[in-house]
PDB file of all heavy atoms in Angstrom:
ATOM      1  N   LEU A   1     -34.450  -9.367  20.432  1.00  0.00           N
ATOM      2  CA  LEU A   1     -33.709  -9.431  19.168  1.00  0.00           C
ATOM      3  C   LEU A   1     -34.436 -10.300  18.146  1.00  0.00           C
ATOM      4  O   LEU A   1     -34.554  -9.935  16.973  1.00  0.00           O
ATOM      5  CB  LEU A   1     -32.295  -9.955  19.419  1.00  0.00           C
ATOM      6  CG  LEU A   1     -31.364 -10.000  18.213  1.00  0.00           C
ATOM      7  CD1 LEU A   1     -31.157  -8.609  17.624  1.00  0.00           C
ATOM      8  CD2 LEU A   1     -30.036 -10.619  18.625  1.00  0.00           C
ATOM      9  N   LEU A   2     -34.949 -11.449  18.584  1.00  0.00           N
ATOM     10  CA  LEU A   2     -35.703 -12.334  17.701  1.00  0.00           C
ATOM     11  C   LEU A   2     -36.916 -11.613  17.109  1.00  0.00           C
ATOM     12  O   LEU A   2     -37.132 -11.628  15.896  1.00  0.00           O
ATOM     13  CB  LEU A   2     -36.161 -13.579  18.466  1.00  0.00           C
ATOM     14  CG  LEU A   2     -37.152 -14.486  17.756  1.00  0.00           C
ATOM     15  CD1 LEU A   2     -36.479 -15.215  16.607  1.00  0.00           C
ATOM     16  CD2 LEU A   2     -37.767 -15.464  18.737  1.00  0.00           C
ATOM     17  N   ILE A   3     -37.702 -10.967  17.968  1.00  0.00           N
ATOM     18  CA  ILE A   3     -38.915 -10.275  17.528  1.00  0.00           C
ATOM     19  C   ILE A   3     -38.552  -9.119  16.595  1.00  0.00           C
ATOM     20  O   ILE A   3     -39.172  -8.930  15.539  1.00  0.00           O
ATOM     21  CB  ILE A   3     -39.729  -9.760  18.739  1.00  0.00           C
ATOM     22  CG1 ILE A   3     -40.197 -10.933  19.618  1.00  0.00           C
ATOM     23  CG2 ILE A   3     -40.887  -8.870  18.305  1.00  0.00           C
ATOM     24  CD1 ILE A   3     -41.020 -11.964  18.909  1.00  0.00           C
ATOM     25  N   ASP A   4     -37.542  -8.359  16.964  1.00  0.00           N
ATOM     26  CA  ASP A   4     -37.114  -7.223  16.154  1.00  0.00           C
ATOM     27  C   ASP A   4     -36.691  -7.674  14.755  1.00  0.00           C
ATOM     28  O   ASP A   4     -37.123  -7.109  13.751  1.00  0.00           O
ATOM     29  CB  ASP A   4     -35.963  -6.505  16.864  1.00  0.00           C
ATOM     30  CG  ASP A   4     -35.602  -5.208  16.198  1.00  0.00           C
ATOM     31  OD1 ASP A   4     -36.505  -4.374  15.988  1.00  0.00           O
ATOM     32  OD2 ASP A   4     -34.400  -5.019  15.889  1.00  0.00           O
ATOM     33  N   ARG A   5     -35.889  -8.703  14.682  1.00  0.00           N
ATOM     34  CA  ARG A   5     -35.421  -9.191  13.379  1.00  0.00           C
ATOM     35  C   ARG A   5     -36.537  -9.837  12.567  1.00  0.00           C
ATOM     36  O   ARG A   5     -36.615  -9.672  11.352  1.00  0.00           O
ATOM     37  CB  ARG A   5     -34.271 -10.174  13.573  1.00  0.00           C
ATOM     38  CG  ARG A   5     -33.000  -9.476  13.988  1.00  0.00           C
ATOM     39  CD  ARG A   5     -31.856 -10.433  14.074  1.00  0.00           C
ATOM     40  NE  ARG A   5     -30.630  -9.732  14.424  1.00  0.00           N
ATOM     41  CZ  ARG A   5     -29.500 -10.344  14.683  1.00  0.00           C
ATOM     42  NH1 ARG A   5     -29.416 -11.667  14.630  1.00  0.00           N
ATOM     43  NH2 ARG A   5     -28.426  -9.643  15.002  1.00  0.00           N
ATOM     44  N   PHE A   6     -37.403 -10.594  13.242  1.00  0.00           N
ATOM     45  CA  PHE A   6     -38.510 -11.248  12.537  1.00  0.00           C
ATOM     46  C   PHE A   6     -39.407 -10.218  11.857  1.00  0.00           C
ATOM     47  O   PHE A   6     -39.683 -10.309  10.662  1.00  0.00           O
ATOM     48  CB  PHE A   6     -39.322 -12.113  13.506  1.00  0.00           C
ATOM     49  CG  PHE A   6     -40.538 -12.717  12.867  1.00  0.00           C
ATOM     50  CD1 PHE A   6     -40.426 -13.828  12.058  1.00  0.00           C
ATOM     51  CD2 PHE A   6     -41.794 -12.167  13.077  1.00  0.00           C
ATOM     52  CE1 PHE A   6     -41.553 -14.392  11.455  1.00  0.00           C
ATOM     53  CE2 PHE A   6     -42.921 -12.723  12.487  1.00  0.00           C
ATOM     54  CZ  PHE A   6     -42.795 -13.832  11.674  1.00  0.00           C
ATOM     55  N   TYR A   7     -39.857  -9.217  12.619  1.00  0.00           N
ATOM     56  CA  TYR A   7     -40.783  -8.242  12.047  1.00  0.00           C
ATOM     57  C   TYR A   7     -40.104  -7.313  11.050  1.00  0.00           C
ATOM     58  O   TYR A   7     -40.758  -6.811  10.137  1.00  0.00           O
ATOM     59  CB  TYR A   7     -41.526  -7.480  13.142  1.00  0.00           C
ATOM     60  CG  TYR A   7     -42.595  -8.357  13.739  1.00  0.00           C
ATOM     61  CD1 TYR A   7     -42.421  -8.963  14.980  1.00  0.00           C
ATOM     62  CD2 TYR A   7     -43.755  -8.641  13.033  1.00  0.00           C
ATOM     63  CE1 TYR A   7     -43.382  -9.807  15.505  1.00  0.00           C
ATOM     64  CE2 TYR A   7     -44.723  -9.487  13.546  1.00  0.00           C
ATOM     65  CZ  TYR A   7     -44.534 -10.061  14.783  1.00  0.00           C
ATOM     66  OH  TYR A   7     -45.477 -10.900  15.286  1.00  0.00           O
ATOM     67  N   ALA A   8     -38.812  -7.109  11.160  1.00  0.00           N
ATOM     68  CA  ALA A   8     -38.081  -6.347  10.146  1.00  0.00           C
ATOM     69  C   ALA A   8     -38.132  -7.070   8.800  1.00  0.00           C
ATOM     70  O   ALA A   8     -38.141  -6.432   7.749  1.00  0.00           O
ATOM     71  CB  ALA A   8     -36.630  -6.132  10.579  1.00  0.00           C
ATOM     72  N   GLU A   9     -38.193  -8.392   8.844  1.00  0.00           N
ATOM     73  CA  GLU A   9     -38.273  -9.186   7.611  1.00  0.00           C
ATOM     74  C   GLU A   9     -39.696  -9.295   7.068  1.00  0.00           C
ATOM     75  O   GLU A   9     -39.904  -9.219   5.861  1.00  0.00           O
ATOM     76  CB  GLU A   9     -37.731 -10.597   7.858  1.00  0.00           C
ATOM     77  CG  GLU A   9     -36.251 -10.647   8.135  1.00  0.00           C
ATOM     78  CD  GLU A   9     -35.408 -10.388   6.898  1.00  0.00           C
ATOM     79  OE1 GLU A   9     -35.815 -10.811   5.798  1.00  0.00           O
ATOM     80  OE2 GLU A   9     -34.356  -9.757   7.042  1.00  0.00           O
ATOM     81  N   VAL A  10     -40.671  -9.516   7.938  1.00  0.00           N
ATOM     82  CA  VAL A  10     -42.029  -9.802   7.440  1.00  0.00           C
ATOM     83  C   VAL A  10     -42.838  -8.556   7.097  1.00  0.00           C
ATOM     84  O   VAL A  10     -43.704  -8.616   6.222  1.00  0.00           O
ATOM     85  CB  VAL A  10     -42.834 -10.712   8.399  1.00  0.00           C
ATOM     86  CG1 VAL A  10     -42.144 -12.044   8.580  1.00  0.00           C
ATOM     87  CG2 VAL A  10     -43.118 -10.043   9.716  1.00  0.00           C
ATOM     88  N   ARG A  11     -42.580  -7.451   7.758  1.00  0.00           N
ATOM     89  CA  ARG A  11     -43.375  -6.252   7.486  1.00  0.00           C
ATOM     90  C   ARG A  11     -43.296  -5.799   6.033  1.00  0.00           C
ATOM     91  O   ARG A  11     -44.327  -5.441   5.456  1.00  0.00           O
ATOM     92  CB  ARG A  11     -43.002  -5.140   8.450  1.00  0.00           C
ATOM     93  CG  ARG A  11     -43.523  -5.423   9.849  1.00  0.00           C
ATOM     94  CD  ARG A  11     -42.897  -4.606  10.914  1.00  0.00           C
ATOM     95  NE  ARG A  11     -43.244  -3.199  10.844  1.00  0.00           N
ATOM     96  CZ  ARG A  11     -42.838  -2.322  11.738  1.00  0.00           C
ATOM     97  NH1 ARG A  11     -42.074  -2.675  12.749  1.00  0.00           N
ATOM     98  NH2 ARG A  11     -43.181  -1.064  11.624  1.00  0.00           N
ATOM     99  N   PRO A  12     -42.124  -5.817   5.391  1.00  0.00           N
ATOM    100  CA  PRO A  12     -42.086  -5.409   3.980  1.00  0.00           C
ATOM    101  C   PRO A  12     -42.363  -6.547   2.988  1.00  0.00           C
ATOM    102  O   PRO A  12     -42.373  -6.329   1.782  1.00  0.00           O
ATOM    103  CB  PRO A  12     -40.653  -4.893   3.810  1.00  0.00           C
ATOM    104  CG  PRO A  12     -39.855  -5.666   4.794  1.00  0.00           C
ATOM    105  CD  PRO A  12     -40.789  -5.906   5.963  1.00  0.00           C
ATOM    106  N   ASP A  13     -42.632  -7.749   3.488  1.00  0.00           N
ATOM    107  CA  ASP A  13     -42.819  -8.899   2.615  1.00  0.00           C
ATOM    108  C   ASP A  13     -44.056  -8.707   1.732  1.00  0.00           C
ATOM    109  O   ASP A  13     -45.138  -8.379   2.226  1.00  0.00           O
ATOM    110  CB  ASP A  13     -42.975 -10.172   3.449  1.00  0.00           C
ATOM    111  CG  ASP A  13     -43.056 -11.401   2.578  1.00  0.00           C
ATOM    112  OD1 ASP A  13     -41.995 -11.947   2.239  1.00  0.00           O
ATOM    113  OD2 ASP A  13     -44.188 -11.809   2.225  1.00  0.00           O
ATOM    114  N   PRO A  14     -43.928  -8.930   0.411  1.00  0.00           N
ATOM    115  CA  PRO A  14     -45.066  -8.706  -0.480  1.00  0.00           C
ATOM    116  C   PRO A  14     -46.236  -9.663  -0.268  1.00  0.00           C
ATOM    117  O   PRO A  14     -47.380  -9.326  -0.584  1.00  0.00           O
ATOM    118  CB  PRO A  14     -44.474  -8.874  -1.881  1.00  0.00           C
ATOM    119  CG  PRO A  14     -43.176  -9.565  -1.710  1.00  0.00           C
ATOM    120  CD  PRO A  14     -42.715  -9.313  -0.307  1.00  0.00           C
ATOM    121  N   LEU A  15     -45.996 -10.845   0.274  1.00  0.00           N
ATOM    122  CA  LEU A  15     -47.074 -11.810   0.469  1.00  0.00           C
ATOM    123  C   LEU A  15     -47.808 -11.606   1.795  1.00  0.00           C
ATOM    124  O   LEU A  15     -49.038 -11.715   1.849  1.00  0.00           O
ATOM    125  CB  LEU A  15     -46.524 -13.244   0.405  1.00  0.00           C
ATOM    126  CG  LEU A  15     -47.548 -14.364   0.558  1.00  0.00           C
ATOM    127  CD1 LEU A  15     -48.598 -14.308  -0.558  1.00  0.00           C
ATOM    128  CD2 LEU A  15     -46.855 -15.715   0.567  1.00  0.00           C
ATOM    129  N   ILE A  16     -47.092 -11.305   2.870  1.00  0.00           N
ATOM    130  CA  ILE A  16     -47.743 -11.217   4.187  1.00  0.00           C
ATOM    131  C   ILE A  16     -47.627  -9.855   4.863  1.00  0.00           C
ATOM    132  O   ILE A  16     -48.212  -9.638   5.923  1.00  0.00           O
ATOM    133  CB  ILE A  16     -47.208 -12.307   5.149  1.00  0.00           C
ATOM    134  CG1 ILE A  16     -45.716 -12.142   5.399  1.00  0.00           C
ATOM    135  CG2 ILE A  16     -47.556 -13.698   4.622  1.00  0.00           C
ATOM    136  CD1 ILE A  16     -45.166 -13.061   6.470  1.00  0.00           C
ATOM    137  N   GLY A  17     -46.915  -8.930   4.268  1.00  0.00           N
ATOM    138  CA  GLY A  17     -46.719  -7.623   4.879  1.00  0.00           C
ATOM    139  C   GLY A  17     -48.008  -6.879   5.186  1.00  0.00           C
ATOM    140  O   GLY A  17     -48.083  -6.128   6.157  1.00  0.00           O
ATOM    141  N   HIS A  18     -49.043  -7.109   4.382  1.00  0.00           N
ATOM    142  CA  HIS A  18     -50.312  -6.395   4.597  1.00  0.00           C
ATOM    143  C   HIS A  18     -50.957  -6.728   5.937  1.00  0.00           C
ATOM    144  O   HIS A  18     -51.754  -5.946   6.449  1.00  0.00           O
ATOM    145  CB  HIS A  18     -51.281  -6.669   3.445  1.00  0.00           C
ATOM    146  CG  HIS A  18     -51.781  -8.072   3.381  1.00  0.00           C
ATOM    147  ND1 HIS A  18     -51.033  -9.106   2.867  1.00  0.00           N
ATOM    148  CD2 HIS A  18     -52.957  -8.603   3.768  1.00  0.00           C
ATOM    149  CE1 HIS A  18     -51.736 -10.229   2.940  1.00  0.00           C
ATOM    150  NE2 HIS A  18     -52.910  -9.941   3.477  1.00  0.00           N
ATOM    151  N   PHE A  19     -50.612  -7.852   6.537  1.00  0.00           N
ATOM    152  CA  PHE A  19     -51.159  -8.195   7.852  1.00  0.00           C
ATOM    153  C   PHE A  19     -50.618  -7.271   8.942  1.00  0.00           C
ATOM    154  O   PHE A  19     -51.179  -7.192  10.031  1.00  0.00           O
ATOM    155  CB  PHE A  19     -50.833  -9.643   8.223  1.00  0.00           C
ATOM    156  CG  PHE A  19     -51.562 -10.662   7.402  1.00  0.00           C
ATOM    157  CD1 PHE A  19     -50.857 -11.487   6.536  1.00  0.00           C
ATOM    158  CD2 PHE A  19     -52.932 -10.807   7.476  1.00  0.00           C
ATOM    159  CE1 PHE A  19     -51.513 -12.444   5.771  1.00  0.00           C
ATOM    160  CE2 PHE A  19     -53.601 -11.753   6.707  1.00  0.00           C
ATOM    161  CZ  PHE A  19     -52.888 -12.569   5.853  1.00  0.00           C
ATOM    162  N   PHE A  20     -49.510  -6.598   8.673  1.00  0.00           N
ATOM    163  CA  PHE A  20     -48.799  -5.843   9.701  1.00  0.00           C
ATOM    164  C   PHE A  20     -48.830  -4.333   9.497  1.00  0.00           C
ATOM    165  O   PHE A  20     -48.227  -3.599  10.264  1.00  0.00           O
ATOM    166  CB  PHE A  20     -47.340  -6.317   9.755  1.00  0.00           C
ATOM    167  CG  PHE A  20     -47.218  -7.796   9.917  1.00  0.00           C
ATOM    168  CD1 PHE A  20     -46.911  -8.605   8.829  1.00  0.00           C
ATOM    169  CD2 PHE A  20     -47.443  -8.407  11.142  1.00  0.00           C
ATOM    170  CE1 PHE A  20     -46.813  -9.989   8.964  1.00  0.00           C
ATOM    171  CE2 PHE A  20     -47.356  -9.779  11.281  1.00  0.00           C
ATOM    172  CZ  PHE A  20     -47.039 -10.564  10.204  1.00  0.00           C
ATOM    173  N   THR A  21     -49.548  -3.854   8.493  1.00  0.00           N
ATOM    174  CA  THR A  21     -49.508  -2.424   8.185  1.00  0.00           C
ATOM    175  C   THR A  21     -50.256  -1.553   9.182  1.00  0.00           C
ATOM    176  O   THR A  21     -49.917  -0.387   9.339  1.00  0.00           O
ATOM    177  CB  THR A  21     -50.055  -2.148   6.770  1.00  0.00           C
ATOM    178  OG1 THR A  21     -51.365  -2.674   6.666  1.00  0.00           O
ATOM    179  CG2 THR A  21     -49.166  -2.756   5.706  1.00  0.00           C
ATOM    180  N   HIS A  22     -51.257  -2.074   9.848  1.00  0.00           N
ATOM    181  CA  HIS A  22     -52.058  -1.250  10.760  1.00  0.00           C
ATOM    182  C   HIS A  22     -51.830  -1.601  12.227  1.00  0.00           C
ATOM    183  O   HIS A  22     -52.692  -1.352  13.061  1.00  0.00           O
ATOM    184  CB  HIS A  22     -53.543  -1.373  10.414  1.00  0.00           C
ATOM    185  CG  HIS A  22     -53.847  -0.913   9.024  1.00  0.00           C
ATOM    186  ND1 HIS A  22     -53.745   0.402   8.641  1.00  0.00           N
ATOM    187  CD2 HIS A  22     -54.208  -1.591   7.916  1.00  0.00           C
ATOM    188  CE1 HIS A  22     -54.038   0.513   7.364  1.00  0.00           C
ATOM    189  NE2 HIS A  22     -54.325  -0.682   6.899  1.00  0.00           N
ATOM    190  N   VAL A  23     -50.667  -2.137  12.542  1.00  0.00           N
ATOM    191  CA  VAL A  23     -50.340  -2.519  13.918  1.00  0.00           C
ATOM    192  C   VAL A  23     -49.712  -1.335  14.638  1.00  0.00           C
ATOM    193  O   VAL A  23     -48.840  -0.658  14.098  1.00  0.00           O
ATOM    194  CB  VAL A  23     -49.370  -3.728  13.930  1.00  0.00           C
ATOM    195  CG1 VAL A  23     -48.917  -4.050  15.342  1.00  0.00           C
ATOM    196  CG2 VAL A  23     -50.021  -4.936  13.280  1.00  0.00           C
ATOM    197  N   ASP A  24     -50.162  -1.085  15.846  1.00  0.00           N
ATOM    198  CA  ASP A  24     -49.533  -0.079  16.710  1.00  0.00           C
ATOM    199  C   ASP A  24     -48.328  -0.751  17.368  1.00  0.00           C
ATOM    200  O   ASP A  24     -48.454  -1.412  18.396  1.00  0.00           O
ATOM    201  CB  ASP A  24     -50.540   0.398  17.756  1.00  0.00           C
ATOM    202  CG  ASP A  24     -49.945   1.348  18.780  1.00  0.00           C
ATOM    203  OD1 ASP A  24     -48.715   1.595  18.757  1.00  0.00           O
ATOM    204  OD2 ASP A  24     -50.709   1.834  19.626  1.00  0.00           O
ATOM    205  N   TRP A  25     -47.161  -0.624  16.752  1.00  0.00           N
ATOM    206  CA  TRP A  25     -45.972  -1.367  17.188  1.00  0.00           C
ATOM    207  C   TRP A  25     -45.502  -0.962  18.569  1.00  0.00           C
ATOM    208  O   TRP A  25     -44.981  -1.796  19.308  1.00  0.00           O
ATOM    209  CB  TRP A  25     -44.863  -1.231  16.144  1.00  0.00           C
ATOM    210  CG  TRP A  25     -45.258  -1.951  14.904  1.00  0.00           C
ATOM    211  CD1 TRP A  25     -45.707  -1.406  13.743  1.00  0.00           C
ATOM    212  CD2 TRP A  25     -45.317  -3.372  14.726  1.00  0.00           C
ATOM    213  NE1 TRP A  25     -46.037  -2.390  12.843  1.00  0.00           N
ATOM    214  CE2 TRP A  25     -45.801  -3.618  13.429  1.00  0.00           C
ATOM    215  CE3 TRP A  25     -45.006  -4.458  15.534  1.00  0.00           C
ATOM    216  CZ2 TRP A  25     -45.979  -4.892  12.917  1.00  0.00           C
ATOM    217  CZ3 TRP A  25     -45.184  -5.733  15.030  1.00  0.00           C
ATOM    218  CH2 TRP A  25     -45.664  -5.936  13.740  1.00  0.00           C
ATOM    219  N   THR A  26     -45.709   0.291  18.962  1.00  0.00           N
ATOM    220  CA  THR A  26     -45.303   0.729  20.300  1.00  0.00           C
ATOM    221  C   THR A  26     -46.073  -0.047  21.364  1.00  0.00           C
ATOM    222  O   THR A  26     -45.518  -0.435  22.390  1.00  0.00           O
ATOM    223  CB  THR A  26     -45.537   2.247  20.457  1.00  0.00           C
ATOM    224  OG1 THR A  26     -44.807   2.927  19.444  1.00  0.00           O
ATOM    225  CG2 THR A  26     -45.103   2.728  21.818  1.00  0.00           C
ATOM    226  N   HIS A  27     -47.329  -0.292  21.118  1.00  0.00           N
ATOM    227  CA  HIS A  27     -48.176  -1.041  22.048  1.00  0.00           C
ATOM    228  C   HIS A  27     -47.993  -2.552  21.887  1.00  0.00           C
ATOM    229  O   HIS A  27     -47.951  -3.294  22.875  1.00  0.00           O
ATOM    230  CB  HIS A  27     -49.644  -0.671  21.815  1.00  0.00           C
ATOM    231  CG  HIS A  27     -50.616  -1.526  22.560  1.00  0.00           C
ATOM    232  ND1 HIS A  27     -50.860  -1.379  23.900  1.00  0.00           N
ATOM    233  CD2 HIS A  27     -51.389  -2.554  22.149  1.00  0.00           C
ATOM    234  CE1 HIS A  27     -51.741  -2.286  24.288  1.00  0.00           C
ATOM    235  NE2 HIS A  27     -52.089  -3.009  23.247  1.00  0.00           N
ATOM    236  N   HIS A  28     -47.888  -3.009  20.652  1.00  0.00           N
ATOM    237  CA  HIS A  28     -47.935  -4.442  20.373  1.00  0.00           C
ATOM    238  C   HIS A  28     -46.619  -5.177  20.638  1.00  0.00           C
ATOM    239  O   HIS A  28     -46.633  -6.317  21.109  1.00  0.00           O
ATOM    240  CB  HIS A  28     -48.376  -4.656  18.919  1.00  0.00           C
ATOM    241  CG  HIS A  28     -48.867  -6.029  18.633  1.00  0.00           C
ATOM    242  ND1 HIS A  28     -49.862  -6.632  19.358  1.00  0.00           N
ATOM    243  CD2 HIS A  28     -48.496  -6.926  17.694  1.00  0.00           C
ATOM    244  CE1 HIS A  28     -50.087  -7.852  18.882  1.00  0.00           C
ATOM    245  NE2 HIS A  28     -49.270  -8.057  17.868  1.00  0.00           N
ATOM    246  N   THR A  29     -45.490  -4.536  20.365  1.00  0.00           N
ATOM    247  CA  THR A  29     -44.200  -5.208  20.525  1.00  0.00           C
ATOM    248  C   THR A  29     -43.971  -5.731  21.945  1.00  0.00           C
ATOM    249  O   THR A  29     -43.577  -6.892  22.109  1.00  0.00           O
ATOM    250  CB  THR A  29     -43.044  -4.298  20.060  1.00  0.00           C
ATOM    251  OG1 THR A  29     -43.244  -3.988  18.682  1.00  0.00           O
ATOM    252  CG2 THR A  29     -41.699  -4.977  20.230  1.00  0.00           C
ATOM    253  N   PRO A  30     -44.215  -4.954  22.990  1.00  0.00           N
ATOM    254  CA  PRO A  30     -44.028  -5.515  24.344  1.00  0.00           C
ATOM    255  C   PRO A  30     -44.941  -6.715  24.621  1.00  0.00           C
ATOM    256  O   PRO A  30     -44.550  -7.644  25.331  1.00  0.00           O
ATOM    257  CB  PRO A  30     -44.368  -4.346  25.276  1.00  0.00           C
ATOM    258  CG  PRO A  30     -44.174  -3.132  24.444  1.00  0.00           C
ATOM    259  CD  PRO A  30     -44.519  -3.532  23.037  1.00  0.00           C
ATOM    260  N   ARG A  31     -46.143  -6.711  24.053  1.00  0.00           N
ATOM    261  CA  ARG A  31     -47.052  -7.845  24.251  1.00  0.00           C
ATOM    262  C   ARG A  31     -46.525  -9.094  23.542  1.00  0.00           C
ATOM    263  O   ARG A  31     -46.585 -10.200  24.075  1.00  0.00           O
ATOM    264  CB  ARG A  31     -48.459  -7.500  23.759  1.00  0.00           C
ATOM    265  CG  ARG A  31     -49.124  -6.428  24.607  1.00  0.00           C
ATOM    266  CD  ARG A  31     -50.523  -6.097  24.167  1.00  0.00           C
ATOM    267  NE  ARG A  31     -51.406  -7.239  24.053  1.00  0.00           N
ATOM    268  CZ  ARG A  31     -51.977  -7.882  25.068  1.00  0.00           C
ATOM    269  NH1 ARG A  31     -51.736  -7.499  26.301  1.00  0.00           N
ATOM    270  NH2 ARG A  31     -52.794  -8.891  24.844  1.00  0.00           N
ATOM    271  N   ILE A  32     -46.033  -8.908  22.310  1.00  0.00           N
ATOM    272  CA  ILE A  32     -45.465 -10.030  21.566  1.00  0.00           C
ATOM    273  C   ILE A  32     -44.260 -10.589  22.320  1.00  0.00           C
ATOM    274  O   ILE A  32     -44.108 -11.809  22.464  1.00  0.00           O
ATOM    275  CB  ILE A  32     -45.038  -9.592  20.150  1.00  0.00           C
ATOM    276  CG1 ILE A  32     -46.235  -9.153  19.326  1.00  0.00           C
ATOM    277  CG2 ILE A  32     -44.279 -10.707  19.442  1.00  0.00           C
ATOM    278  CD1 ILE A  32     -45.853  -8.437  18.047  1.00  0.00           C
TER     279      ILE A  32
END
């Protein structure tokens, strides 16, 4: 829940969202 909510907030963020645009979330989320 923490990870899901955190990335829901930061992915569209205009300042840092670009860090997350090319992430394979299916692969990366379980690792995080």
